[in-house]
Amino acid sequence: MRFKFPFIVLAITLLVTGMTGCYPPSKPITYQTLDTLLTSGQLEYYGAFYEAEGVPYDVICLDLYSKGLGLNEEGMMEGVGTNLYIGDIFISTATPSAEKASSLLIDDTYESDSVAELSHFLRGLDYDGNYGGSYVLLMGESGYKVYPITEGEMTVTYIGDTLVLDGIASLKGLRQPYPFHYRDILPVIRRER
């Protein structure tokens, strides 16, 4: 009788340990760190997108990616890394016939704003999990996180056809500012409607 109680406790412990050991541990979603150097991307030209609303400017967007993340041939994002999307950059009426980024995104300093002004871009917007304007998407191996840009500024210059872009942004939900840099030729994609 004396040894019966410890034997039962040992049997229950082994049984519980064996049952919990059969299930794989839950794997938390891991994200990359926010990359500050962006290595590929495209400039999207939308033309007079807001003309019906009385906005007299053309609209372009920057879609930039860090090493390890990008668009495949079908235009779908794949890989792991950082995507910086700066949406609705307001520029003077342009003629993108040259198909060069320098003909659209001219040397200037661009600032975030919530209204359509020349040389400004829209801040990040969150419509119940649907993001618009400008944001940083952090793509991990098994999930993603989106940080809308609350304030930002970027300076654009060119060395030949090479875009030299330096900027800094405040991201919703993060304390530290996010500096970003791009140095390469940027292809232009026409998306007028």
N, C-alpha and C. Protein backbone atom coordinates (compact mmCIF):
# COMPACT_ATOMS: atom_id res chain seq x y z
N MET A 1 0.81 -1.19 0.00
CA MET A 1 0.00 0.00 0.00
C MET A 1 0.86 1.26 0.00
N ARG A 2 1.97 1.17 0.65
CA ARG A 2 2.84 2.31 0.76
C ARG A 2 3.35 2.82 -0.58
N PHE A 3 3.62 1.93 -1.48
CA PHE A 3 4.21 2.30 -2.77
C PHE A 3 3.16 2.58 -3.85
N LYS A 4 1.92 2.36 -3.55
CA LYS A 4 0.87 2.54 -4.54
C LYS A 4 0.69 4.01 -4.94
N PHE A 5 0.67 4.95 -3.98
CA PHE A 5 0.45 6.37 -4.28
C PHE A 5 1.54 6.97 -5.16
N PRO A 6 2.83 6.81 -4.84
CA PRO A 6 3.87 7.35 -5.73
C PRO A 6 3.83 6.72 -7.12
N PHE A 7 3.48 5.43 -7.18
CA PHE A 7 3.40 4.76 -8.47
C PHE A 7 2.29 5.38 -9.33
N ILE A 8 1.14 5.70 -8.74
CA ILE A 8 0.03 6.31 -9.47
C ILE A 8 0.42 7.71 -9.95
N VAL A 9 1.08 8.50 -9.09
CA VAL A 9 1.52 9.84 -9.47
C VAL A 9 2.51 9.76 -10.61
N LEU A 10 3.45 8.82 -10.55
CA LEU A 10 4.44 8.65 -11.62
C LEU A 10 3.75 8.24 -12.92
N ALA A 11 2.78 7.33 -12.86
CA ALA A 11 2.07 6.88 -14.05
C ALA A 11 1.29 8.03 -14.69
N ILE A 12 0.62 8.84 -13.88
CA ILE A 12 -0.14 9.98 -14.40
C ILE A 12 0.80 10.99 -15.04
N THR A 13 1.93 11.27 -14.40
CA THR A 13 2.92 12.22 -14.93
C THR A 13 3.44 11.74 -16.28
N LEU A 14 3.79 10.47 -16.39
CA LEU A 14 4.28 9.94 -17.66
C LEU A 14 3.20 9.98 -18.74
N LEU A 15 1.96 9.68 -18.36
CA LEU A 15 0.87 9.71 -19.31
C LEU A 15 0.64 11.13 -19.85
N VAL A 16 0.60 12.12 -18.97
CA VAL A 16 0.39 13.51 -19.39
C VAL A 16 1.56 13.99 -20.24
N THR A 17 2.79 13.66 -19.83
CA THR A 17 3.97 14.06 -20.60
C THR A 17 3.94 13.42 -21.98
N GLY A 18 3.56 12.18 -22.06
CA GLY A 18 3.49 11.49 -23.35
C GLY A 18 2.44 12.07 -24.26
N MET A 19 1.30 12.45 -23.69
CA MET A 19 0.22 13.02 -24.50
C MET A 19 0.58 14.40 -25.03
N THR A 20 1.19 15.23 -24.21
CA THR A 20 1.53 16.57 -24.67
C THR A 20 2.73 16.54 -25.61
N GLY A 21 3.57 15.54 -25.52
CA GLY A 21 4.72 15.43 -26.41
C GLY A 21 4.34 15.01 -27.81
N CYS A 22 3.12 14.52 -28.03
CA CYS A 22 2.69 14.08 -29.35
C CYS A 22 2.34 15.23 -30.28
N TYR A 23 2.02 16.37 -29.71
CA TYR A 23 1.63 17.51 -30.53
C TYR A 23 2.83 18.41 -30.75
N PRO A 24 3.01 18.88 -31.99
CA PRO A 24 4.14 19.78 -32.22
C PRO A 24 3.90 21.11 -31.50
N PRO A 25 4.96 21.72 -30.99
CA PRO A 25 4.76 23.00 -30.31
C PRO A 25 4.30 24.05 -31.31
N SER A 26 3.46 24.96 -30.84
CA SER A 26 2.98 26.00 -31.76
C SER A 26 4.14 26.92 -32.11
N LYS A 27 4.27 27.21 -33.38
CA LYS A 27 5.37 28.03 -33.87
C LYS A 27 4.90 29.47 -33.98
N PRO A 28 5.52 30.38 -33.24
CA PRO A 28 5.09 31.78 -33.34
C PRO A 28 5.48 32.37 -34.70
N ILE A 29 4.71 33.36 -35.13
CA ILE A 29 5.03 34.05 -36.38
C ILE A 29 6.28 34.88 -36.15
N THR A 30 7.27 34.69 -37.01
CA THR A 30 8.49 35.48 -36.90
C THR A 30 8.59 36.40 -38.10
N TYR A 31 9.03 37.61 -37.85
CA TYR A 31 9.18 38.59 -38.90
C TYR A 31 10.64 38.95 -39.07
N GLN A 32 10.97 39.41 -40.24
CA GLN A 32 12.29 39.97 -40.47
C GLN A 32 12.37 41.30 -39.73
N THR A 33 13.56 41.82 -39.61
CA THR A 33 13.69 43.18 -39.09
C THR A 33 13.34 44.14 -40.22
N LEU A 34 13.00 45.36 -39.87
CA LEU A 34 12.70 46.37 -40.89
C LEU A 34 13.98 46.72 -41.62
N ASP A 35 14.06 46.36 -42.89
CA ASP A 35 15.24 46.69 -43.69
C ASP A 35 15.19 48.15 -44.08
N THR A 36 16.30 48.83 -43.96
CA THR A 36 16.35 50.24 -44.34
C THR A 36 16.85 50.43 -45.77
N LEU A 37 17.60 49.45 -46.30
CA LEU A 37 18.08 49.52 -47.68
C LEU A 37 17.13 48.75 -48.58
N LEU A 38 16.54 49.45 -49.51
CA LEU A 38 15.60 48.86 -50.46
C LEU A 38 16.32 48.69 -51.79
N THR A 39 16.19 47.52 -52.41
CA THR A 39 17.06 47.18 -53.53
C THR A 39 16.35 47.00 -54.87
N SER A 40 15.01 46.93 -54.87
CA SER A 40 14.28 46.78 -56.12
C SER A 40 12.92 47.45 -55.99
N GLY A 41 12.25 47.59 -57.11
CA GLY A 41 10.92 48.19 -57.06
C GLY A 41 10.50 48.77 -58.38
N GLN A 42 9.46 49.60 -58.30
CA GLN A 42 8.93 50.23 -59.49
C GLN A 42 8.21 51.51 -59.11
N LEU A 43 8.09 52.39 -60.09
CA LEU A 43 7.32 53.62 -59.95
C LEU A 43 6.06 53.41 -60.78
N GLU A 44 4.90 53.61 -60.17
CA GLU A 44 3.63 53.42 -60.87
C GLU A 44 3.03 54.78 -61.20
N TYR A 45 2.72 55.01 -62.48
CA TYR A 45 2.15 56.27 -62.93
C TYR A 45 0.65 56.10 -63.13
N TYR A 46 -0.16 56.90 -62.38
CA TYR A 46 -1.62 56.82 -62.47
C TYR A 46 -2.23 58.02 -63.20
N GLY A 47 -1.43 59.02 -63.53
CA GLY A 47 -1.95 60.19 -64.25
C GLY A 47 -2.88 61.02 -63.39
N ALA A 48 -3.89 61.60 -64.03
CA ALA A 48 -4.84 62.50 -63.34
C ALA A 48 -5.90 61.67 -62.62
N PHE A 49 -5.49 60.87 -61.68
CA PHE A 49 -6.35 59.90 -61.00
C PHE A 49 -7.50 60.57 -60.25
N TYR A 50 -7.25 61.73 -59.65
CA TYR A 50 -8.27 62.42 -58.85
C TYR A 50 -8.85 63.64 -59.57
N GLU A 51 -8.79 63.65 -60.87
CA GLU A 51 -9.29 64.79 -61.64
C GLU A 51 -10.77 65.05 -61.37
N ALA A 52 -11.58 64.01 -61.26
CA ALA A 52 -13.02 64.17 -61.01
C ALA A 52 -13.30 64.82 -59.65
N GLU A 53 -12.36 64.68 -58.71
CA GLU A 53 -12.51 65.29 -57.39
C GLU A 53 -11.92 66.70 -57.34
N GLY A 54 -11.43 67.19 -58.47
CA GLY A 54 -10.90 68.54 -58.53
C GLY A 54 -9.44 68.67 -58.16
N VAL A 55 -8.71 67.56 -58.09
CA VAL A 55 -7.28 67.61 -57.77
C VAL A 55 -6.52 67.83 -59.08
N PRO A 56 -5.77 68.94 -59.19
CA PRO A 56 -5.12 69.28 -60.46
C PRO A 56 -3.75 68.63 -60.68
N TYR A 57 -3.42 67.61 -59.91
CA TYR A 57 -2.09 67.00 -59.99
C TYR A 57 -2.19 65.57 -60.52
N ASP A 58 -1.10 65.13 -61.11
CA ASP A 58 -0.98 63.72 -61.46
C ASP A 58 -0.55 62.95 -60.22
N VAL A 59 -0.75 61.64 -60.26
CA VAL A 59 -0.44 60.78 -59.11
C VAL A 59 0.53 59.69 -59.55
N ILE A 60 1.57 59.49 -58.72
CA ILE A 60 2.49 58.36 -58.88
C ILE A 60 2.62 57.67 -57.53
N CYS A 61 3.08 56.43 -57.54
CA CYS A 61 3.31 55.67 -56.32
C CYS A 61 4.66 54.96 -56.42
N LEU A 62 5.33 54.83 -55.30
CA LEU A 62 6.58 54.06 -55.23
C LEU A 62 6.30 52.73 -54.56
N ASP A 63 6.80 51.66 -55.12
CA ASP A 63 6.64 50.32 -54.56
C ASP A 63 8.04 49.72 -54.49
N LEU A 64 8.67 49.76 -53.31
CA LEU A 64 10.08 49.38 -53.15
C LEU A 64 10.21 48.16 -52.23
N TYR A 65 11.25 47.35 -52.49
CA TYR A 65 11.44 46.09 -51.78
C TYR A 65 12.89 45.93 -51.33
N SER A 66 13.05 45.28 -50.17
CA SER A 66 14.39 44.94 -49.71
C SER A 66 14.83 43.64 -50.37
N LYS A 67 16.11 43.32 -50.22
CA LYS A 67 16.65 42.07 -50.75
C LYS A 67 15.89 40.90 -50.13
N GLY A 68 15.48 39.96 -50.96
CA GLY A 68 14.77 38.79 -50.47
C GLY A 68 13.27 38.87 -50.66
N LEU A 69 12.76 40.02 -51.05
CA LEU A 69 11.33 40.20 -51.27
C LEU A 69 11.14 40.93 -52.60
N GLY A 70 10.08 40.59 -53.31
CA GLY A 70 9.83 41.26 -54.59
C GLY A 70 8.59 40.72 -55.26
N LEU A 71 8.39 41.10 -56.49
CA LEU A 71 7.25 40.65 -57.27
C LEU A 71 7.70 39.57 -58.26
N ASN A 72 6.90 38.52 -58.39
CA ASN A 72 7.22 37.48 -59.37
C ASN A 72 6.65 37.87 -60.73
N GLU A 73 6.73 37.00 -61.73
CA GLU A 73 6.27 37.32 -63.08
C GLU A 73 4.77 37.59 -63.16
N GLU A 74 4.01 37.04 -62.22
CA GLU A 74 2.56 37.27 -62.21
C GLU A 74 2.20 38.54 -61.43
N GLY A 75 3.21 39.23 -60.91
CA GLY A 75 2.95 40.45 -60.15
C GLY A 75 2.57 40.20 -58.70
N MET A 76 2.79 38.99 -58.22
CA MET A 76 2.48 38.63 -56.83
C MET A 76 3.75 38.76 -55.97
N MET A 77 3.58 39.26 -54.77
CA MET A 77 4.71 39.41 -53.87
C MET A 77 5.15 38.05 -53.35
N GLU A 78 6.48 37.84 -53.33
CA GLU A 78 7.00 36.60 -52.76
C GLU A 78 8.35 36.85 -52.12
N GLY A 79 8.63 36.04 -51.11
CA GLY A 79 9.88 36.17 -50.38
C GLY A 79 9.66 36.69 -48.97
N VAL A 80 10.75 37.05 -48.33
CA VAL A 80 10.74 37.55 -46.95
C VAL A 80 11.54 38.84 -46.92
N GLY A 81 10.98 39.89 -46.32
CA GLY A 81 11.68 41.16 -46.23
C GLY A 81 10.74 42.32 -46.02
N THR A 82 11.15 43.49 -46.47
CA THR A 82 10.41 44.73 -46.24
C THR A 82 9.92 45.32 -47.56
N ASN A 83 8.66 45.74 -47.57
CA ASN A 83 8.06 46.45 -48.72
C ASN A 83 7.66 47.84 -48.24
N LEU A 84 8.20 48.86 -48.88
CA LEU A 84 7.81 50.25 -48.61
C LEU A 84 6.92 50.69 -49.77
N TYR A 85 5.69 51.05 -49.45
CA TYR A 85 4.77 51.53 -50.47
C TYR A 85 4.41 52.97 -50.13
N ILE A 86 4.80 53.89 -50.99
CA ILE A 86 4.46 55.30 -50.81
C ILE A 86 3.43 55.63 -51.87
N GLY A 87 2.19 55.73 -51.41
CA GLY A 87 1.07 55.91 -52.33
C GLY A 87 0.66 57.35 -52.48
N ASP A 88 0.13 57.63 -53.64
CA ASP A 88 -0.43 58.94 -53.96
C ASP A 88 0.55 60.07 -53.71
N ILE A 89 1.62 60.07 -54.49
CA ILE A 89 2.56 61.19 -54.51
C ILE A 89 2.03 62.16 -55.56
N PHE A 90 1.82 63.39 -55.17
CA PHE A 90 1.21 64.38 -56.07
C PHE A 90 2.30 65.17 -56.78
N ILE A 91 2.25 65.12 -58.11
CA ILE A 91 3.24 65.79 -58.96
C ILE A 91 2.52 66.69 -59.95
N SER A 92 3.25 67.63 -60.55
CA SER A 92 2.62 68.45 -61.59
C SER A 92 2.29 67.56 -62.78
N THR A 93 1.40 68.00 -63.62
CA THR A 93 0.99 67.22 -64.78
C THR A 93 2.22 66.81 -65.57
N ALA A 94 2.30 65.53 -65.83
CA ALA A 94 3.52 64.98 -66.44
C ALA A 94 3.20 64.33 -67.79
N THR A 95 4.23 64.17 -68.56
CA THR A 95 4.15 63.42 -69.81
C THR A 95 5.17 62.29 -69.70
N PRO A 96 4.72 61.11 -69.32
CA PRO A 96 5.67 60.02 -69.08
C PRO A 96 6.13 59.32 -70.35
N SER A 97 6.26 60.04 -71.44
CA SER A 97 6.64 59.41 -72.70
C SER A 97 8.05 58.83 -72.64
N ALA A 98 8.91 59.43 -71.83
CA ALA A 98 10.28 58.94 -71.74
C ALA A 98 10.36 57.64 -70.95
N GLU A 99 9.30 57.31 -70.19
CA GLU A 99 9.28 56.10 -69.37
C GLU A 99 10.44 56.06 -68.38
N LYS A 100 10.92 57.22 -67.97
CA LYS A 100 11.99 57.30 -66.98
C LYS A 100 11.43 57.88 -65.70
N ALA A 101 11.86 57.33 -64.58
CA ALA A 101 11.39 57.83 -63.29
C ALA A 101 11.71 59.31 -63.12
N SER A 102 12.86 59.76 -63.64
CA SER A 102 13.27 61.15 -63.47
C SER A 102 12.35 62.13 -64.18
N SER A 103 11.55 61.65 -65.14
CA SER A 103 10.59 62.53 -65.81
C SER A 103 9.32 62.70 -64.98
N LEU A 104 9.13 61.86 -63.98
CA LEU A 104 7.94 61.91 -63.14
C LEU A 104 8.25 62.30 -61.71
N LEU A 105 9.13 61.57 -61.08
CA LEU A 105 9.54 61.84 -59.69
C LEU A 105 10.80 62.69 -59.77
N ILE A 106 10.60 64.00 -59.82
CA ILE A 106 11.72 64.90 -60.05
C ILE A 106 12.50 65.17 -58.77
N ASP A 107 13.71 65.73 -58.92
CA ASP A 107 14.53 66.10 -57.76
C ASP A 107 13.72 67.06 -56.88
N ASP A 108 13.49 66.65 -55.64
CA ASP A 108 12.71 67.48 -54.72
C ASP A 108 12.67 66.78 -53.36
N THR A 109 12.12 67.47 -52.38
CA THR A 109 11.83 66.87 -51.08
C THR A 109 10.32 66.73 -50.99
N TYR A 110 9.87 65.53 -50.69
CA TYR A 110 8.44 65.20 -50.63
C TYR A 110 8.08 64.94 -49.17
N GLU A 111 6.93 65.45 -48.74
CA GLU A 111 6.48 65.31 -47.35
C GLU A 111 5.13 64.61 -47.29
N SER A 112 4.88 63.92 -46.18
CA SER A 112 3.58 63.28 -45.99
C SER A 112 2.55 64.33 -45.61
N ASP A 113 1.31 64.06 -45.98
CA ASP A 113 0.21 64.97 -45.67
C ASP A 113 -1.09 64.18 -45.77
N SER A 114 -2.18 64.78 -45.35
CA SER A 114 -3.48 64.12 -45.47
C SER A 114 -4.33 64.75 -46.58
N VAL A 115 -3.76 65.73 -47.27
CA VAL A 115 -4.47 66.38 -48.38
C VAL A 115 -3.58 66.37 -49.63
N ALA A 116 -4.22 66.58 -50.78
CA ALA A 116 -3.50 66.57 -52.05
C ALA A 116 -2.81 67.91 -52.27
N GLU A 117 -1.50 67.93 -52.09
CA GLU A 117 -0.68 69.12 -52.32
C GLU A 117 0.51 68.71 -53.17
N LEU A 118 1.00 69.61 -53.98
CA LEU A 118 2.15 69.35 -54.84
C LEU A 118 3.36 68.94 -53.99
N SER A 119 4.07 67.91 -54.41
CA SER A 119 5.25 67.38 -53.71
C SER A 119 4.93 66.83 -52.33
N HIS A 120 3.72 66.33 -52.16
CA HIS A 120 3.32 65.65 -50.93
C HIS A 120 2.85 64.24 -51.27
N PHE A 121 2.87 63.37 -50.28
CA PHE A 121 2.30 62.04 -50.45
C PHE A 121 1.37 61.75 -49.27
N LEU A 122 0.38 60.89 -49.52
CA LEU A 122 -0.61 60.59 -48.49
C LEU A 122 -0.01 59.76 -47.36
N ARG A 123 -0.41 60.09 -46.15
CA ARG A 123 -0.05 59.28 -44.98
C ARG A 123 -0.76 57.93 -45.08
N GLY A 124 -0.34 57.02 -44.22
CA GLY A 124 -0.95 55.70 -44.20
C GLY A 124 -2.36 55.73 -43.65
N LEU A 125 -3.23 54.94 -44.25
CA LEU A 125 -4.62 54.85 -43.84
C LEU A 125 -4.94 53.40 -43.52
N ASP A 126 -5.73 53.19 -42.48
CA ASP A 126 -6.13 51.84 -42.08
C ASP A 126 -7.65 51.79 -42.03
N TYR A 127 -8.25 51.14 -43.00
CA TYR A 127 -9.69 50.96 -43.05
C TYR A 127 -10.01 49.54 -42.58
N ASP A 128 -10.01 49.35 -41.26
CA ASP A 128 -10.30 48.04 -40.66
C ASP A 128 -9.45 46.92 -41.27
N GLY A 129 -8.16 47.14 -41.34
CA GLY A 129 -7.24 46.13 -41.85
C GLY A 129 -6.96 46.22 -43.33
N ASN A 130 -7.62 47.12 -44.05
CA ASN A 130 -7.31 47.39 -45.46
C ASN A 130 -6.51 48.67 -45.50
N TYR A 131 -5.28 48.59 -46.00
CA TYR A 131 -4.36 49.71 -45.91
C TYR A 131 -4.29 50.48 -47.21
N GLY A 132 -4.15 51.79 -47.09
CA GLY A 132 -4.01 52.66 -48.24
C GLY A 132 -2.99 53.74 -47.94
N GLY A 133 -2.77 54.62 -48.91
CA GLY A 133 -1.77 55.66 -48.70
C GLY A 133 -0.38 55.05 -48.64
N SER A 134 0.37 55.40 -47.59
CA SER A 134 1.77 54.96 -47.48
C SER A 134 1.95 54.07 -46.26
N TYR A 135 2.69 52.99 -46.44
CA TYR A 135 2.88 52.05 -45.34
C TYR A 135 4.14 51.21 -45.57
N VAL A 136 4.56 50.53 -44.52
CA VAL A 136 5.64 49.56 -44.60
C VAL A 136 5.05 48.20 -44.28
N LEU A 137 5.27 47.24 -45.16
CA LEU A 137 4.81 45.87 -44.96
C LEU A 137 6.04 45.03 -44.64
N LEU A 138 5.97 44.34 -43.54
CA LEU A 138 7.06 43.47 -43.10
C LEU A 138 6.62 42.03 -43.30
N MET A 139 7.18 41.36 -44.31
CA MET A 139 6.77 40.01 -44.66
C MET A 139 7.69 39.00 -44.00
N GLY A 140 7.08 38.12 -43.19
CA GLY A 140 7.83 37.06 -42.53
C GLY A 140 7.62 35.74 -43.25
N GLU A 141 8.18 34.69 -42.68
CA GLU A 141 8.04 33.37 -43.30
C GLU A 141 6.63 32.82 -43.17
N SER A 142 5.93 33.19 -42.09
CA SER A 142 4.59 32.65 -41.91
C SER A 142 3.56 33.72 -41.56
N GLY A 143 3.82 34.95 -41.95
CA GLY A 143 2.85 36.00 -41.68
C GLY A 143 3.42 37.36 -42.07
N TYR A 144 2.63 38.39 -41.85
CA TYR A 144 3.07 39.73 -42.20
C TYR A 144 2.54 40.73 -41.17
N LYS A 145 3.13 41.91 -41.18
CA LYS A 145 2.70 43.01 -40.31
C LYS A 145 2.76 44.28 -41.14
N VAL A 146 1.76 45.15 -40.99
CA VAL A 146 1.69 46.40 -41.73
C VAL A 146 1.80 47.56 -40.76
N TYR A 147 2.66 48.52 -41.10
CA TYR A 147 2.85 49.73 -40.30
C TYR A 147 2.51 50.95 -41.16
N PRO A 148 1.34 51.58 -40.97
CA PRO A 148 1.03 52.80 -41.71
C PRO A 148 2.02 53.92 -41.36
N ILE A 149 2.36 54.73 -42.35
CA ILE A 149 3.25 55.87 -42.13
C ILE A 149 2.41 57.03 -41.61
N THR A 150 2.73 57.52 -40.40
CA THR A 150 1.99 58.63 -39.82
C THR A 150 2.61 59.98 -40.19
N GLU A 151 3.91 60.03 -40.33
CA GLU A 151 4.64 61.23 -40.77
C GLU A 151 5.83 60.74 -41.58
N GLY A 152 6.23 61.50 -42.59
CA GLY A 152 7.38 61.08 -43.38
C GLY A 152 7.88 62.15 -44.30
N GLU A 153 9.11 61.94 -44.74
CA GLU A 153 9.75 62.86 -45.67
C GLU A 153 10.78 62.07 -46.47
N MET A 154 10.91 62.41 -47.75
CA MET A 154 11.93 61.77 -48.57
C MET A 154 12.52 62.79 -49.53
N THR A 155 13.82 62.63 -49.79
CA THR A 155 14.53 63.49 -50.71
C THR A 155 14.93 62.67 -51.92
N VAL A 156 14.66 63.21 -53.10
CA VAL A 156 14.93 62.52 -54.35
C VAL A 156 15.96 63.32 -55.14
N THR A 157 17.02 62.64 -55.58
CA THR A 157 18.01 63.19 -56.51
C THR A 157 18.37 62.09 -57.50
N TYR A 158 19.06 62.45 -58.56
CA TYR A 158 19.46 61.47 -59.56
C TYR A 158 20.94 61.64 -59.88
N ILE A 159 21.59 60.50 -60.11
CA ILE A 159 22.94 60.46 -60.67
C ILE A 159 22.78 59.71 -61.98
N GLY A 160 22.74 60.45 -63.07
CA GLY A 160 22.37 59.85 -64.36
C GLY A 160 20.93 59.39 -64.28
N ASP A 161 20.67 58.11 -64.57
CA ASP A 161 19.33 57.54 -64.44
C ASP A 161 19.11 56.86 -63.10
N THR A 162 20.13 56.85 -62.24
CA THR A 162 20.02 56.18 -60.94
C THR A 162 19.31 57.09 -59.94
N LEU A 163 18.22 56.58 -59.38
CA LEU A 163 17.48 57.30 -58.35
C LEU A 163 18.21 57.17 -57.03
N VAL A 164 18.45 58.29 -56.37
CA VAL A 164 19.03 58.31 -55.03
C VAL A 164 17.94 58.85 -54.12
N LEU A 165 17.35 57.97 -53.32
CA LEU A 165 16.23 58.32 -52.46
C LEU A 165 16.62 58.07 -51.01
N ASP A 166 16.45 59.08 -50.17
CA ASP A 166 16.69 58.96 -48.74
C ASP A 166 15.48 59.51 -48.02
N GLY A 167 14.99 58.79 -47.04
CA GLY A 167 13.82 59.25 -46.32
C GLY A 167 13.78 58.77 -44.89
N ILE A 168 12.83 59.31 -44.15
CA ILE A 168 12.60 58.89 -42.77
C ILE A 168 11.10 58.98 -42.53
N ALA A 169 10.58 58.01 -41.78
CA ALA A 169 9.14 57.95 -41.52
C ALA A 169 8.88 57.53 -40.09
N SER A 170 7.78 58.02 -39.56
CA SER A 170 7.25 57.53 -38.29
C SER A 170 6.18 56.51 -38.63
N LEU A 171 6.24 55.34 -38.00
CA LEU A 171 5.31 54.26 -38.29
C LEU A 171 4.38 54.04 -37.11
N LYS A 172 3.11 53.88 -37.41
CA LYS A 172 2.10 53.65 -36.37
C LYS A 172 2.44 52.37 -35.61
N GLY A 173 2.53 52.48 -34.31
CA GLY A 173 2.81 51.31 -33.47
C GLY A 173 4.29 51.12 -33.15
N LEU A 174 5.18 51.92 -33.73
CA LEU A 174 6.61 51.81 -33.44
C LEU A 174 7.12 53.13 -32.89
N ARG A 175 8.01 53.06 -31.92
CA ARG A 175 8.55 54.27 -31.31
C ARG A 175 9.67 54.89 -32.13
N GLN A 176 10.54 54.04 -32.66
CA GLN A 176 11.70 54.55 -33.37
C GLN A 176 11.35 54.90 -34.81
N PRO A 177 11.94 55.98 -35.33
CA PRO A 177 11.69 56.32 -36.74
C PRO A 177 12.30 55.28 -37.66
N TYR A 178 11.76 55.20 -38.85
CA TYR A 178 12.22 54.24 -39.86
C TYR A 178 12.93 55.00 -40.98
N PRO A 179 14.26 54.92 -41.04
CA PRO A 179 14.99 55.52 -42.17
C PRO A 179 14.99 54.55 -43.34
N PHE A 180 14.89 55.06 -44.57
CA PHE A 180 14.91 54.18 -45.74
C PHE A 180 15.73 54.81 -46.85
N HIS A 181 16.30 53.92 -47.69
CA HIS A 181 17.22 54.35 -48.74
C HIS A 181 17.03 53.46 -49.97
N TYR A 182 17.15 54.08 -51.15
CA TYR A 182 17.09 53.34 -52.41
C TYR A 182 18.09 53.96 -53.38
N ARG A 183 18.87 53.13 -54.07
CA ARG A 183 19.85 53.61 -55.04
C ARG A 183 19.90 52.65 -56.22
N ASP A 184 19.12 52.96 -57.23
CA ASP A 184 19.11 52.12 -58.42
C ASP A 184 18.23 52.79 -59.48
N ILE A 185 18.26 52.24 -60.68
CA ILE A 185 17.35 52.70 -61.73
C ILE A 185 15.97 52.15 -61.37
N LEU A 186 14.95 52.95 -61.55
CA LEU A 186 13.60 52.55 -61.16
C LEU A 186 12.71 52.47 -62.39
N PRO A 187 12.21 51.27 -62.73
CA PRO A 187 11.32 51.15 -63.90
C PRO A 187 9.98 51.83 -63.64
N VAL A 188 9.36 52.33 -64.73
CA VAL A 188 8.07 53.00 -64.65
C VAL A 188 6.99 52.06 -65.22
N ILE A 189 5.91 51.88 -64.46
CA ILE A 189 4.76 51.09 -64.89
C ILE A 189 3.59 52.05 -65.05
N ARG A 190 2.97 52.07 -66.23
CA ARG A 190 1.83 52.97 -66.49
C ARG A 190 0.53 52.29 -66.07
N ARG A 191 -0.22 52.97 -65.22
CA ARG A 191 -1.48 52.43 -64.73
C ARG A 191 -2.63 53.43 -64.87
N GLU A 192 -2.59 54.30 -65.87
CA GLU A 192 -3.68 55.25 -66.05
C GLU A 192 -4.99 54.51 -66.27
N ARG A 193 -6.06 55.15 -65.85
CA ARG A 193 -7.37 54.53 -66.12
C ARG A 193 -8.11 55.31 -67.17
